[in-house]
Amino acid sequence: MTNSSNEPLQPELLDAPQVRRKVSTQRTLGSMALAFESFVIFFATLVAFGLKMADPALVWGFGLGLAIFTILLPAVLGKRGGYQLGWAVQALALVLSVVLAFANPAGWVFVIISVIFVGLWGWAMVAGFTIDKARIAFENSQISK
């Protein structure tokens, strides 16, 4: 084995234990939920545009804006206010879906989808927090032994 300058690596570097980066399960689950939700928001935007539920500029502005924001949001999860932004996105998506439901009877499907994603986001937050706390307790018990 060689390094980038084609010099052989020292054997002690090859045997060094790998340090595993600790990633929050809450952040991971939340990121997965938001990534999936961003695609659903994009396709819902296409449906809203196709059904002419509102002015096309309004549909594309809100739809693409929310989809792009949702796909970028995992970058700030775990930082101050990141999870609150996630809850705000869920609330905004739910409010927009209710508005569309009053514009067109087919819009109630958007409400159902939004409620599903609010539940998925809530589950990701609760389950992730619980797993993270259990992991910390387990690691602390292993250290004390």
C-alpha atoms as a PDB file:
ATOM      1  CA  MET A   1       0.000   0.000   0.000  1.00  0.00           C
ATOM      2  CA  THR A   2       1.131   3.505  -0.747  1.00  0.00           C
ATOM      3  CA  ASN A   3      -0.009   6.970   0.172  1.00  0.00           C
ATOM      4  CA  SER A   4      -0.692   9.865  -2.209  1.00  0.00           C
ATOM      5  CA  SER A   5       3.035  10.499  -2.783  1.00  0.00           C
ATOM      6  CA  ASN A   6       3.591   6.801  -3.661  1.00  0.00           C
ATOM      7  CA  GLU A   7       5.645   6.170  -0.519  1.00  0.00           C
ATOM      8  CA  PRO A   8       4.940   2.985   1.425  1.00  0.00           C
ATOM      9  CA  LEU A   9       2.717   3.428   4.461  1.00  0.00           C
ATOM     10  CA  GLN A  10       4.147   2.629   7.869  1.00  0.00           C
ATOM     11  CA  PRO A  11       2.746  -0.606   9.349  1.00  0.00           C
ATOM     12  CA  GLU A  12       1.637   1.181  12.535  1.00  0.00           C
ATOM     13  CA  LEU A  13      -0.668   3.409  10.485  1.00  0.00           C
ATOM     14  CA  LEU A  14      -2.321   0.380   8.916  1.00  0.00           C
ATOM     15  CA  ASP A  15      -3.144  -1.165  12.294  1.00  0.00           C
ATOM     16  CA  ALA A  16      -4.604   2.014  13.830  1.00  0.00           C
ATOM     17  CA  PRO A  17      -8.209   1.532  14.985  1.00  0.00           C
ATOM     18  CA  GLN A  18     -10.795   3.325  12.915  1.00  0.00           C
ATOM     19  CA  VAL A  19     -12.528   6.122  14.790  1.00  0.00           C
ATOM     20  CA  ARG A  20     -16.240   5.963  14.128  1.00  0.00           C
ATOM     21  CA  ARG A  21     -17.939   9.309  13.744  1.00  0.00           C
ATOM     22  CA  LYS A  22     -20.963   9.631  16.025  1.00  0.00           C
ATOM     23  CA  VAL A  23     -23.984  10.757  14.052  1.00  0.00           C
ATOM     24  CA  SER A  24     -27.266  11.536  15.724  1.00  0.00           C
ATOM     25  CA  THR A  25     -30.004   9.049  14.886  1.00  0.00           C
ATOM     26  CA  GLN A  26     -32.526  11.856  15.225  1.00  0.00           C
ATOM     27  CA  ARG A  27     -30.679  13.825  12.553  1.00  0.00           C
ATOM     28  CA  THR A  28     -30.395  10.784  10.284  1.00  0.00           C
ATOM     29  CA  LEU A  29     -34.075   9.866  10.527  1.00  0.00           C
ATOM     30  CA  GLY A  30     -35.137  13.487  10.109  1.00  0.00           C
ATOM     31  CA  SER A  31     -32.921  13.868   7.046  1.00  0.00           C
ATOM     32  CA  MET A  32     -34.423  10.778   5.441  1.00  0.00           C
ATOM     33  CA  ALA A  33     -37.955  12.007   6.103  1.00  0.00           C
ATOM     34  CA  LEU A  34     -37.197  15.462   4.676  1.00  0.00           C
ATOM     35  CA  ALA A  35     -35.442  14.084   1.599  1.00  0.00           C
ATOM     36  CA  PHE A  36     -38.387  11.833   0.792  1.00  0.00           C
ATOM     37  CA  GLU A  37     -40.827  14.643   1.515  1.00  0.00           C
ATOM     38  CA  SER A  38     -39.047  16.995  -0.883  1.00  0.00           C
ATOM     39  CA  PHE A  39     -39.673  14.599  -3.777  1.00  0.00           C
ATOM     40  CA  VAL A  40     -43.325  14.211  -2.779  1.00  0.00           C
ATOM     41  CA  ILE A  41     -43.680  18.013  -2.620  1.00  0.00           C
ATOM     42  CA  PHE A  42     -42.201  18.296  -6.107  1.00  0.00           C
ATOM     43  CA  PHE A  43     -44.620  15.725  -7.526  1.00  0.00           C
ATOM     44  CA  ALA A  44     -47.507  17.347  -5.652  1.00  0.00           C
ATOM     45  CA  THR A  45     -46.496  20.620  -7.328  1.00  0.00           C
ATOM     46  CA  LEU A  46     -46.783  18.928 -10.707  1.00  0.00           C
ATOM     47  CA  VAL A  47     -50.249  17.627  -9.782  1.00  0.00           C
ATOM     48  CA  ALA A  48     -51.392  21.037  -8.502  1.00  0.00           C
ATOM     49  CA  PHE A  49     -50.144  22.639 -11.714  1.00  0.00           C
ATOM     50  CA  GLY A  50     -51.812  20.009 -13.885  1.00  0.00           C
ATOM     51  CA  LEU A  51     -55.144  20.366 -12.068  1.00  0.00           C
ATOM     52  CA  LYS A  52     -54.880  24.191 -12.295  1.00  0.00           C
ATOM     53  CA  MET A  53     -55.492  24.555  -8.563  1.00  0.00           C
ATOM     54  CA  ALA A  54     -54.102  28.099  -8.500  1.00  0.00           C
ATOM     55  CA  ASP A  55     -52.191  30.575 -10.613  1.00  0.00           C
ATOM     56  CA  PRO A  56     -49.243  28.680 -12.226  1.00  0.00           C
ATOM     57  CA  ALA A  57     -46.659  31.176 -10.943  1.00  0.00           C
ATOM     58  CA  LEU A  58     -48.008  30.756  -7.422  1.00  0.00           C
ATOM     59  CA  VAL A  59     -48.054  26.954  -7.660  1.00  0.00           C
ATOM     60  CA  TRP A  60     -44.495  26.762  -9.011  1.00  0.00           C
ATOM     61  CA  GLY A  61     -43.190  29.433  -6.630  1.00  0.00           C
ATOM     62  CA  PHE A  62     -44.508  27.795  -3.479  1.00  0.00           C
ATOM     63  CA  GLY A  63     -44.040  24.219  -4.698  1.00  0.00           C
ATOM     64  CA  LEU A  64     -40.477  24.463  -5.943  1.00  0.00           C
ATOM     65  CA  GLY A  65     -39.488  26.830  -3.141  1.00  0.00           C
ATOM     66  CA  LEU A  66     -40.728  24.424  -0.498  1.00  0.00           C
ATOM     67  CA  ALA A  67     -39.233  21.392  -2.269  1.00  0.00           C
ATOM     68  CA  ILE A  68     -35.803  23.040  -2.555  1.00  0.00           C
ATOM     69  CA  PHE A  69     -35.916  24.288   1.035  1.00  0.00           C
ATOM     70  CA  THR A  70     -36.904  20.810   2.232  1.00  0.00           C
ATOM     71  CA  ILE A  71     -34.065  19.089   0.360  1.00  0.00           C
ATOM     72  CA  LEU A  72     -31.549  21.605   1.781  1.00  0.00           C
ATOM     73  CA  LEU A  73     -32.877  21.540   5.356  1.00  0.00           C
ATOM     74  CA  PRO A  74     -31.014  18.364   6.467  1.00  0.00           C
ATOM     75  CA  ALA A  75     -27.788  20.383   6.246  1.00  0.00           C
ATOM     76  CA  VAL A  76     -28.841  22.412   9.290  1.00  0.00           C
ATOM     77  CA  LEU A  77     -30.448  19.629  11.330  1.00  0.00           C
ATOM     78  CA  GLY A  78     -28.544  19.218  14.563  1.00  0.00           C
ATOM     79  CA  LYS A  79     -27.596  22.890  14.603  1.00  0.00           C
ATOM     80  CA  ARG A  80     -29.391  25.500  16.652  1.00  0.00           C
ATOM     81  CA  GLY A  81     -32.961  25.885  15.403  1.00  0.00           C
ATOM     82  CA  GLY A  82     -32.649  23.141  12.775  1.00  0.00           C
ATOM     83  CA  TYR A  83     -35.329  20.880  14.196  1.00  0.00           C
ATOM     84  CA  GLN A  84     -37.648  23.848  14.748  1.00  0.00           C
ATOM     85  CA  LEU A  85     -37.253  24.685  11.045  1.00  0.00           C
ATOM     86  CA  GLY A  86     -38.257  21.103  10.288  1.00  0.00           C
ATOM     87  CA  TRP A  87     -41.428  21.530  12.324  1.00  0.00           C
ATOM     88  CA  ALA A  88     -42.076  24.839  10.551  1.00  0.00           C
ATOM     89  CA  VAL A  89     -41.795  23.111   7.169  1.00  0.00           C
ATOM     90  CA  GLN A  90     -44.302  20.488   8.311  1.00  0.00           C
ATOM     91  CA  ALA A  91     -46.722  23.200   9.449  1.00  0.00           C
ATOM     92  CA  LEU A  92     -46.294  25.165   6.221  1.00  0.00           C
ATOM     93  CA  ALA A  93     -46.871  22.065   4.077  1.00  0.00           C
ATOM     94  CA  LEU A  94     -49.994  21.236   6.084  1.00  0.00           C
ATOM     95  CA  VAL A  95     -51.371  24.782   5.776  1.00  0.00           C
ATOM     96  CA  LEU A  96     -50.670  24.890   2.030  1.00  0.00           C
ATOM     97  CA  SER A  97     -52.367  21.535   1.552  1.00  0.00           C
ATOM     98  CA  VAL A  98     -55.486  22.759   3.393  1.00  0.00           C
ATOM     99  CA  VAL A  99     -55.548  25.893   1.217  1.00  0.00           C
ATOM    100  CA  LEU A 100     -55.344  23.714  -1.908  1.00  0.00           C
ATOM    101  CA  ALA A 101     -58.089  21.466  -0.545  1.00  0.00           C
ATOM    102  CA  PHE A 102     -60.451  24.435  -0.492  1.00  0.00           C
ATOM    103  CA  ALA A 103     -59.405  25.404  -4.032  1.00  0.00           C
ATOM    104  CA  ASN A 104     -60.171  21.988  -5.500  1.00  0.00           C
ATOM    105  CA  PRO A 105     -61.893  18.926  -4.015  1.00  0.00           C
ATOM    106  CA  ALA A 106     -58.973  16.762  -5.163  1.00  0.00           C
ATOM    107  CA  GLY A 107     -56.777  18.825  -2.843  1.00  0.00           C
ATOM    108  CA  TRP A 108     -57.863  16.762   0.165  1.00  0.00           C
ATOM    109  CA  VAL A 109     -55.363  14.141  -0.989  1.00  0.00           C
ATOM    110  CA  PHE A 110     -52.657  16.727  -0.255  1.00  0.00           C
ATOM    111  CA  VAL A 111     -53.993  17.082   3.282  1.00  0.00           C
ATOM    112  CA  ILE A 112     -53.808  13.323   3.814  1.00  0.00           C
ATOM    113  CA  ILE A 113     -50.231  13.233   2.471  1.00  0.00           C
ATOM    114  CA  SER A 114     -49.250  16.187   4.681  1.00  0.00           C
ATOM    115  CA  VAL A 115     -50.690  14.513   7.773  1.00  0.00           C
ATOM    116  CA  ILE A 116     -48.711  11.367   6.929  1.00  0.00           C
ATOM    117  CA  PHE A 117     -45.496  13.394   6.682  1.00  0.00           C
ATOM    118  CA  VAL A 118     -46.199  15.267   9.914  1.00  0.00           C
ATOM    119  CA  GLY A 119     -46.558  11.853  11.565  1.00  0.00           C
ATOM    120  CA  LEU A 120     -43.378  10.586   9.904  1.00  0.00           C
ATOM    121  CA  TRP A 121     -41.460  13.677  11.009  1.00  0.00           C
ATOM    122  CA  GLY A 122     -42.821  13.373  14.560  1.00  0.00           C
ATOM    123  CA  TRP A 123     -41.874   9.689  14.677  1.00  0.00           C
ATOM    124  CA  ALA A 124     -38.368  10.496  13.388  1.00  0.00           C
ATOM    125  CA  MET A 125     -37.917  13.113  16.101  1.00  0.00           C
ATOM    126  CA  VAL A 126     -39.217  10.965  18.963  1.00  0.00           C
ATOM    127  CA  ALA A 127     -37.590   7.693  17.885  1.00  0.00           C
ATOM    128  CA  GLY A 128     -34.306   9.394  17.016  1.00  0.00           C
ATOM    129  CA  PHE A 129     -34.171  11.218  20.347  1.00  0.00           C
ATOM    130  CA  THR A 130     -34.964   8.001  22.234  1.00  0.00           C
ATOM    131  CA  ILE A 131     -32.306   6.001  20.385  1.00  0.00           C
ATOM    132  CA  ASP A 132     -29.700   8.738  20.897  1.00  0.00           C
ATOM    133  CA  LYS A 133     -30.388   8.854  24.641  1.00  0.00           C
ATOM    134  CA  ALA A 134     -30.261   5.049  24.883  1.00  0.00           C
ATOM    135  CA  ARG A 135     -26.946   5.018  22.994  1.00  0.00           C
ATOM    136  CA  ILE A 136     -25.476   7.603  25.387  1.00  0.00           C
ATOM    137  CA  ALA A 137     -26.660   5.601  28.410  1.00  0.00           C
ATOM    138  CA  PHE A 138     -25.186   2.406  26.943  1.00  0.00           C
ATOM    139  CA  GLU A 139     -21.843   4.058  26.180  1.00  0.00           C
ATOM    140  CA  ASN A 140     -21.700   5.544  29.683  1.00  0.00           C
ATOM    141  CA  SER A 141     -22.407   2.122  31.217  1.00  0.00           C
ATOM    142  CA  GLN A 142     -19.606   0.600  29.127  1.00  0.00           C
ATOM    143  CA  ILE A 143     -17.147   3.261  30.244  1.00  0.00           C
ATOM    144  CA  SER A 144     -17.955   2.761  33.929  1.00  0.00           C
ATOM    145  CA  LYS A 145     -17.276  -0.988  33.760  1.00  0.00           C
END
